[in-house]
């Protein structure tokens, strides 16, 4: 995996989203195709939460 710095626009969007998460509890959305930042939401449907949890690899 190669390091690729964020473009300035992506960086600003991510910082704004992180502040929204810290200040107002906004959910951070991840693009399932490339695991990149996809935005924020006030609420996330249960199905998306379950799919996100199932997608995390578990190593024993």
PDB file of N, CA and C in Angstrom:
ATOM      1  N   UNK A   1       0.840  -1.159   0.000  1.00  0.00           N
ATOM      2  CA  UNK A   1       0.000   0.000   0.000  1.00  0.00           C
ATOM      3  C   UNK A   1       0.898   1.238   0.000  1.00  0.00           C
ATOM      4  N   UNK A   2       0.677   2.114  -0.947  1.00  0.00           N
ATOM      5  CA  UNK A   2       1.474   3.327  -1.073  1.00  0.00           C
ATOM      6  C   UNK A   2       0.799   4.483  -0.340  1.00  0.00           C
ATOM      7  N   UNK A   3       1.619   5.325   0.249  1.00  0.00           N
ATOM      8  CA  UNK A   3       1.104   6.525   0.902  1.00  0.00           C
ATOM      9  C   UNK A   3       0.708   7.528  -0.172  1.00  0.00           C
ATOM     10  N   UNK A   4      -0.502   8.054  -0.057  1.00  0.00           N
ATOM     11  CA  UNK A   4      -0.987   9.072  -0.988  1.00  0.00           C
ATOM     12  C   UNK A   4      -1.627  10.172  -0.160  1.00  0.00           C
ATOM     13  N   UNK A   5      -0.987  11.342  -0.081  1.00  0.00           N
ATOM     14  CA  UNK A   5      -1.567  12.416   0.727  1.00  0.00           C
ATOM     15  C   UNK A   5      -2.900  12.872   0.140  1.00  0.00           C
ATOM     16  N   UNK A   6      -3.767  13.364   1.003  1.00  0.00           N
ATOM     17  CA  UNK A   6      -5.060  13.850   0.561  1.00  0.00           C
ATOM     18  C   UNK A   6      -4.898  15.152  -0.225  1.00  0.00           C
ATOM     19  N   UNK A   7      -5.765  15.306  -1.220  1.00  0.00           N
ATOM     20  CA  UNK A   7      -5.830  16.587  -1.920  1.00  0.00           C
ATOM     21  C   UNK A   7      -6.354  17.618  -0.921  1.00  0.00           C
ATOM     22  N   UNK A   8      -6.068  18.883  -1.157  1.00  0.00           N
ATOM     23  CA  UNK A   8      -6.455  19.935  -0.215  1.00  0.00           C
ATOM     24  C   UNK A   8      -7.963  19.952   0.028  1.00  0.00           C
ATOM     25  N   UNK A   9      -8.753  19.761  -1.008  1.00  0.00           N
ATOM     26  CA  UNK A   9     -10.215  19.744  -0.853  1.00  0.00           C
ATOM     27  C   UNK A   9     -10.657  18.577   0.020  1.00  0.00           C
ATOM     28  N   UNK A  10     -10.102  17.381  -0.234  1.00  0.00           N
ATOM     29  CA  UNK A  10     -10.430  16.208   0.580  1.00  0.00           C
ATOM     30  C   UNK A  10     -10.035  16.433   2.032  1.00  0.00           C
ATOM     31  N   UNK A  11      -8.876  17.031   2.221  1.00  0.00           N
ATOM     32  CA  UNK A  11      -8.377  17.291   3.575  1.00  0.00           C
ATOM     33  C   UNK A  11      -9.329  18.211   4.340  1.00  0.00           C
ATOM     34  N   UNK A  12      -9.777  19.281   3.695  1.00  0.00           N
ATOM     35  CA  UNK A  12     -10.701  20.204   4.351  1.00  0.00           C
ATOM     36  C   UNK A  12     -12.029  19.531   4.670  1.00  0.00           C
ATOM     37  N   UNK A  13     -12.538  18.720   3.731  1.00  0.00           N
ATOM     38  CA  UNK A  13     -13.803  18.014   3.964  1.00  0.00           C
ATOM     39  C   UNK A  13     -13.682  17.054   5.143  1.00  0.00           C
ATOM     40  N   UNK A  14     -12.580  16.336   5.207  1.00  0.00           N
ATOM     41  CA  UNK A  14     -12.381  15.382   6.290  1.00  0.00           C
ATOM     42  C   UNK A  14     -12.253  16.101   7.636  1.00  0.00           C
ATOM     43  N   UNK A  15     -11.518  17.191   7.684  1.00  0.00           N
ATOM     44  CA  UNK A  15     -11.392  17.948   8.931  1.00  0.00           C
ATOM     45  C   UNK A  15     -12.743  18.491   9.393  1.00  0.00           C
ATOM     46  N   UNK A  16     -13.537  18.992   8.460  1.00  0.00           N
ATOM     47  CA  UNK A  16     -14.875  19.479   8.792  1.00  0.00           C
ATOM     48  C   UNK A  16     -15.736  18.340   9.330  1.00  0.00           C
ATOM     49  N   UNK A  17     -15.640  17.182   8.698  1.00  0.00           N
ATOM     50  CA  UNK A  17     -16.416  16.025   9.138  1.00  0.00           C
ATOM     51  C   UNK A  17     -15.987  15.566  10.528  1.00  0.00           C
ATOM     52  N   UNK A  18     -14.694  15.544  10.784  1.00  0.00           N
ATOM     53  CA  UNK A  18     -14.200  15.141  12.099  1.00  0.00           C
ATOM     54  C   UNK A  18     -14.656  16.112  13.184  1.00  0.00           C
ATOM     55  N   UNK A  19     -14.667  17.413  12.858  1.00  0.00           N
ATOM     56  CA  UNK A  19     -15.178  18.392  13.817  1.00  0.00           C
ATOM     57  C   UNK A  19     -16.668  18.185  14.061  1.00  0.00           C
ATOM     58  N   UNK A  20     -17.422  17.891  12.986  1.00  0.00           N
ATOM     59  CA  UNK A  20     -18.851  17.618  13.128  1.00  0.00           C
ATOM     60  C   UNK A  20     -19.105  16.394  13.985  1.00  0.00           C
ATOM     61  N   UNK A  21     -18.246  15.398  13.847  1.00  0.00           N
ATOM     62  CA  UNK A  21     -18.367  14.191  14.668  1.00  0.00           C
ATOM     63  C   UNK A  21     -18.102  14.520  16.135  1.00  0.00           C
ATOM     64  N   UNK A  22     -17.041  15.280  16.380  1.00  0.00           N
ATOM     65  CA  UNK A  22     -16.683  15.614  17.759  1.00  0.00           C
ATOM     66  C   UNK A  22     -17.700  16.549  18.406  1.00  0.00           C
ATOM     67  N   UNK A  23     -18.184  17.527  17.645  1.00  0.00           N
ATOM     68  CA  UNK A  23     -19.081  18.537  18.208  1.00  0.00           C
ATOM     69  C   UNK A  23     -20.546  18.104  18.259  1.00  0.00           C
ATOM     70  N   UNK A  24     -21.003  17.431  17.197  1.00  0.00           N
ATOM     71  CA  UNK A  24     -22.436  17.135  17.089  1.00  0.00           C
ATOM     72  C   UNK A  24     -22.756  15.654  16.955  1.00  0.00           C
ATOM     73  N   UNK A  25     -21.743  14.793  16.978  1.00  0.00           N
ATOM     74  CA  UNK A  25     -21.987  13.363  16.904  1.00  0.00           C
ATOM     75  C   UNK A  25     -22.356  12.865  15.523  1.00  0.00           C
ATOM     76  N   UNK A  26     -21.972  13.602  14.458  1.00  0.00           N
ATOM     77  CA  UNK A  26     -22.272  13.159  13.101  1.00  0.00           C
ATOM     78  C   UNK A  26     -21.541  11.855  12.799  1.00  0.00           C
ATOM     79  N   UNK A  27     -22.198  11.000  12.047  1.00  0.00           N
ATOM     80  CA  UNK A  27     -21.565   9.750  11.626  1.00  0.00           C
ATOM     81  C   UNK A  27     -20.643  10.032  10.448  1.00  0.00           C
ATOM     82  N   UNK A  28     -19.462   9.430  10.448  1.00  0.00           N
ATOM     83  CA  UNK A  28     -18.546   9.534   9.322  1.00  0.00           C
ATOM     84  C   UNK A  28     -18.844   8.380   8.372  1.00  0.00           C
ATOM     85  N   UNK A  29     -19.052   8.691   7.108  1.00  0.00           N
ATOM     86  CA  UNK A  29     -19.376   7.672   6.120  1.00  0.00           C
ATOM     87  C   UNK A  29     -18.137   7.292   5.325  1.00  0.00           C
ATOM     88  N   UNK A  30     -17.997   6.007   5.062  1.00  0.00           N
ATOM     89  CA  UNK A  30     -16.854   5.481   4.329  1.00  0.00           C
ATOM     90  C   UNK A  30     -17.359   4.844   3.035  1.00  0.00           C
ATOM     91  N   UNK A  31     -16.658   5.111   1.941  1.00  0.00           N
ATOM     92  CA  UNK A  31     -17.007   4.511   0.651  1.00  0.00           C
ATOM     93  C   UNK A  31     -16.611   3.040   0.697  1.00  0.00           C
ATOM     94  N   UNK A  32     -17.564   2.127   0.519  1.00  0.00           N
ATOM     95  CA  UNK A  32     -17.231   0.700   0.638  1.00  0.00           C
ATOM     96  C   UNK A  32     -16.323   0.193  -0.477  1.00  0.00           C
ATOM     97  N   UNK A  33     -16.247   0.899  -1.593  1.00  0.00           N
ATOM     98  CA  UNK A  33     -15.412   0.433  -2.702  1.00  0.00           C
ATOM     99  C   UNK A  33     -13.930   0.620  -2.429  1.00  0.00           C
ATOM    100  N   UNK A  34     -13.578   1.781  -1.870  1.00  0.00           N
ATOM    101  CA  UNK A  34     -12.153   2.045  -1.663  1.00  0.00           C
ATOM    102  C   UNK A  34     -11.816   2.445  -0.227  1.00  0.00           C
ATOM    103  N   UNK A  35     -12.774   2.320   0.663  1.00  0.00           N
ATOM    104  CA  UNK A  35     -12.651   2.675   2.077  1.00  0.00           C
ATOM    105  C   UNK A  35     -12.218   4.125   2.280  1.00  0.00           C
ATOM    106  N   UNK A  36     -12.505   4.964   1.316  1.00  0.00           N
ATOM    107  CA  UNK A  36     -12.201   6.389   1.446  1.00  0.00           C
ATOM    108  C   UNK A  36     -13.348   7.128   2.116  1.00  0.00           C
ATOM    109  N   UNK A  37     -13.079   8.335   2.547  1.00  0.00           N
ATOM    110  CA  UNK A  37     -14.073   9.165   3.200  1.00  0.00           C
ATOM    111  C   UNK A  37     -15.162   9.511   2.205  1.00  0.00           C
ATOM    112  N   UNK A  38     -16.436   9.376   2.626  1.00  0.00           N
ATOM    113  CA  UNK A  38     -17.560   9.632   1.722  1.00  0.00           C
ATOM    114  C   UNK A  38     -18.518  10.695   2.233  1.00  0.00           C
ATOM    115  N   UNK A  39     -18.300  11.256   3.405  1.00  0.00           N
ATOM    116  CA  UNK A  39     -19.170  12.301   3.911  1.00  0.00           C
ATOM    117  C   UNK A  39     -19.619  12.044   5.332  1.00  0.00           C
ATOM    118  N   UNK A  40     -20.690  12.756   5.725  1.00  0.00           N
ATOM    119  CA  UNK A  40     -21.240  12.611   7.068  1.00  0.00           C
ATOM    120  C   UNK A  40     -22.754  12.488   6.991  1.00  0.00           C
ATOM    121  N   UNK A  41     -23.357  12.057   8.073  1.00  0.00           N
ATOM    122  CA  UNK A  41     -24.807  11.941   8.146  1.00  0.00           C
ATOM    123  C   UNK A  41     -25.252  12.097   9.589  1.00  0.00           C
ATOM    124  N   UNK A  42     -26.452  12.626   9.759  1.00  0.00           N
ATOM    125  CA  UNK A  42     -27.032  12.743  11.099  1.00  0.00           C
ATOM    126  C   UNK A  42     -27.323  11.359  11.669  1.00  0.00           C
ATOM    127  N   UNK A  43     -27.901  10.497  10.836  1.00  0.00           N
ATOM    128  CA  UNK A  43     -28.224   9.132  11.255  1.00  0.00           C
ATOM    129  C   UNK A  43     -27.877   8.169  10.129  1.00  0.00           C
ATOM    130  N   UNK A  44     -27.548   6.969  10.492  1.00  0.00           N
ATOM    131  CA  UNK A  44     -27.212   5.935   9.525  1.00  0.00           C
ATOM    132  C   UNK A  44     -28.170   4.764   9.744  1.00  0.00           C
ATOM    133  N   UNK A  45     -28.754   4.238   8.655  1.00  0.00           N
ATOM    134  CA  UNK A  45     -29.659   3.093   8.815  1.00  0.00           C
ATOM    135  C   UNK A  45     -28.949   1.889   9.432  1.00  0.00           C
ATOM    136  N   UNK A  46     -29.688   1.106  10.201  1.00  0.00           N
ATOM    137  CA  UNK A  46     -29.123  -0.074  10.870  1.00  0.00           C
ATOM    138  C   UNK A  46     -28.441  -1.013   9.889  1.00  0.00           C
ATOM    139  N   UNK A  47     -29.001  -1.166   8.689  1.00  0.00           N
ATOM    140  CA  UNK A  47     -28.424  -2.083   7.708  1.00  0.00           C
ATOM    141  C   UNK A  47     -27.001  -1.666   7.329  1.00  0.00           C
ATOM    142  N   UNK A  48     -26.776  -0.354   7.212  1.00  0.00           N
ATOM    143  CA  UNK A  48     -25.432   0.117   6.872  1.00  0.00           C
ATOM    144  C   UNK A  48     -24.456  -0.106   8.021  1.00  0.00           C
ATOM    145  N   UNK A  49     -24.923   0.047   9.232  1.00  0.00           N
ATOM    146  CA  UNK A  49     -24.057  -0.194  10.394  1.00  0.00           C
ATOM    147  C   UNK A  49     -23.673  -1.668  10.453  1.00  0.00           C
ATOM    148  N   UNK A  50     -24.636  -2.550  10.263  1.00  0.00           N
ATOM    149  CA  UNK A  50     -24.369  -3.989  10.295  1.00  0.00           C
ATOM    150  C   UNK A  50     -23.405  -4.375   9.180  1.00  0.00           C
ATOM    151  N   UNK A  51     -23.613  -3.837   7.971  1.00  0.00           N
ATOM    152  CA  UNK A  51     -22.715  -4.140   6.852  1.00  0.00           C
ATOM    153  C   UNK A  51     -21.299  -3.647   7.143  1.00  0.00           C
ATOM    154  N   UNK A  52     -21.178  -2.477   7.768  1.00  0.00           N
ATOM    155  CA  UNK A  52     -19.849  -1.941   8.108  1.00  0.00           C
ATOM    156  C   UNK A  52     -19.145  -2.825   9.116  1.00  0.00           C
ATOM    157  N   UNK A  53     -19.862  -3.275  10.128  1.00  0.00           N
ATOM    158  CA  UNK A  53     -19.263  -4.133  11.157  1.00  0.00           C
ATOM    159  C   UNK A  53     -18.839  -5.464  10.551  1.00  0.00           C
ATOM    160  N   UNK A  54     -19.670  -6.025   9.681  1.00  0.00           N
ATOM    161  CA  UNK A  54     -19.337  -7.300   9.051  1.00  0.00           C
ATOM    162  C   UNK A  54     -18.136  -7.180   8.121  1.00  0.00           C
ATOM    163  N   UNK A  55     -17.884  -5.998   7.586  1.00  0.00           N
ATOM    164  CA  UNK A  55     -16.790  -5.829   6.626  1.00  0.00           C
ATOM    165  C   UNK A  55     -15.419  -5.706   7.293  1.00  0.00           C
ATOM    166  N   UNK A  56     -15.385  -5.537   8.610  1.00  0.00           N
ATOM    167  CA  UNK A  56     -14.107  -5.383   9.311  1.00  0.00           C
ATOM    168  C   UNK A  56     -13.484  -6.769   9.492  1.00  0.00           C
ATOM    169  N   UNK A  57     -12.265  -6.946   8.982  1.00  0.00           N
ATOM    170  CA  UNK A  57     -11.626  -8.254   9.150  1.00  0.00           C
ATOM    171  C   UNK A  57     -11.307  -8.530  10.623  1.00  0.00           C
ATOM    172  N   UNK A  58     -11.501  -9.758  11.024  1.00  0.00           N
ATOM    173  CA  UNK A  58     -11.222 -10.166  12.395  1.00  0.00           C
ATOM    174  C   UNK A  58     -10.105 -11.192  12.364  1.00  0.00           C
ATOM    175  N   UNK A  59      -9.082 -10.930  13.140  1.00  0.00           N
ATOM    176  CA  UNK A  59      -7.946 -11.855  13.207  1.00  0.00           C
ATOM    177  C   UNK A  59      -7.843 -12.386  14.630  1.00  0.00           C
ATOM    178  N   UNK A  60      -7.777 -13.665  14.764  1.00  0.00           N
ATOM    179  CA  UNK A  60      -7.681 -14.289  16.073  1.00  0.00           C
ATOM    180  C   UNK A  60      -6.269 -14.652  16.373  1.00  0.00           C
TER     181      UNK A  60
END
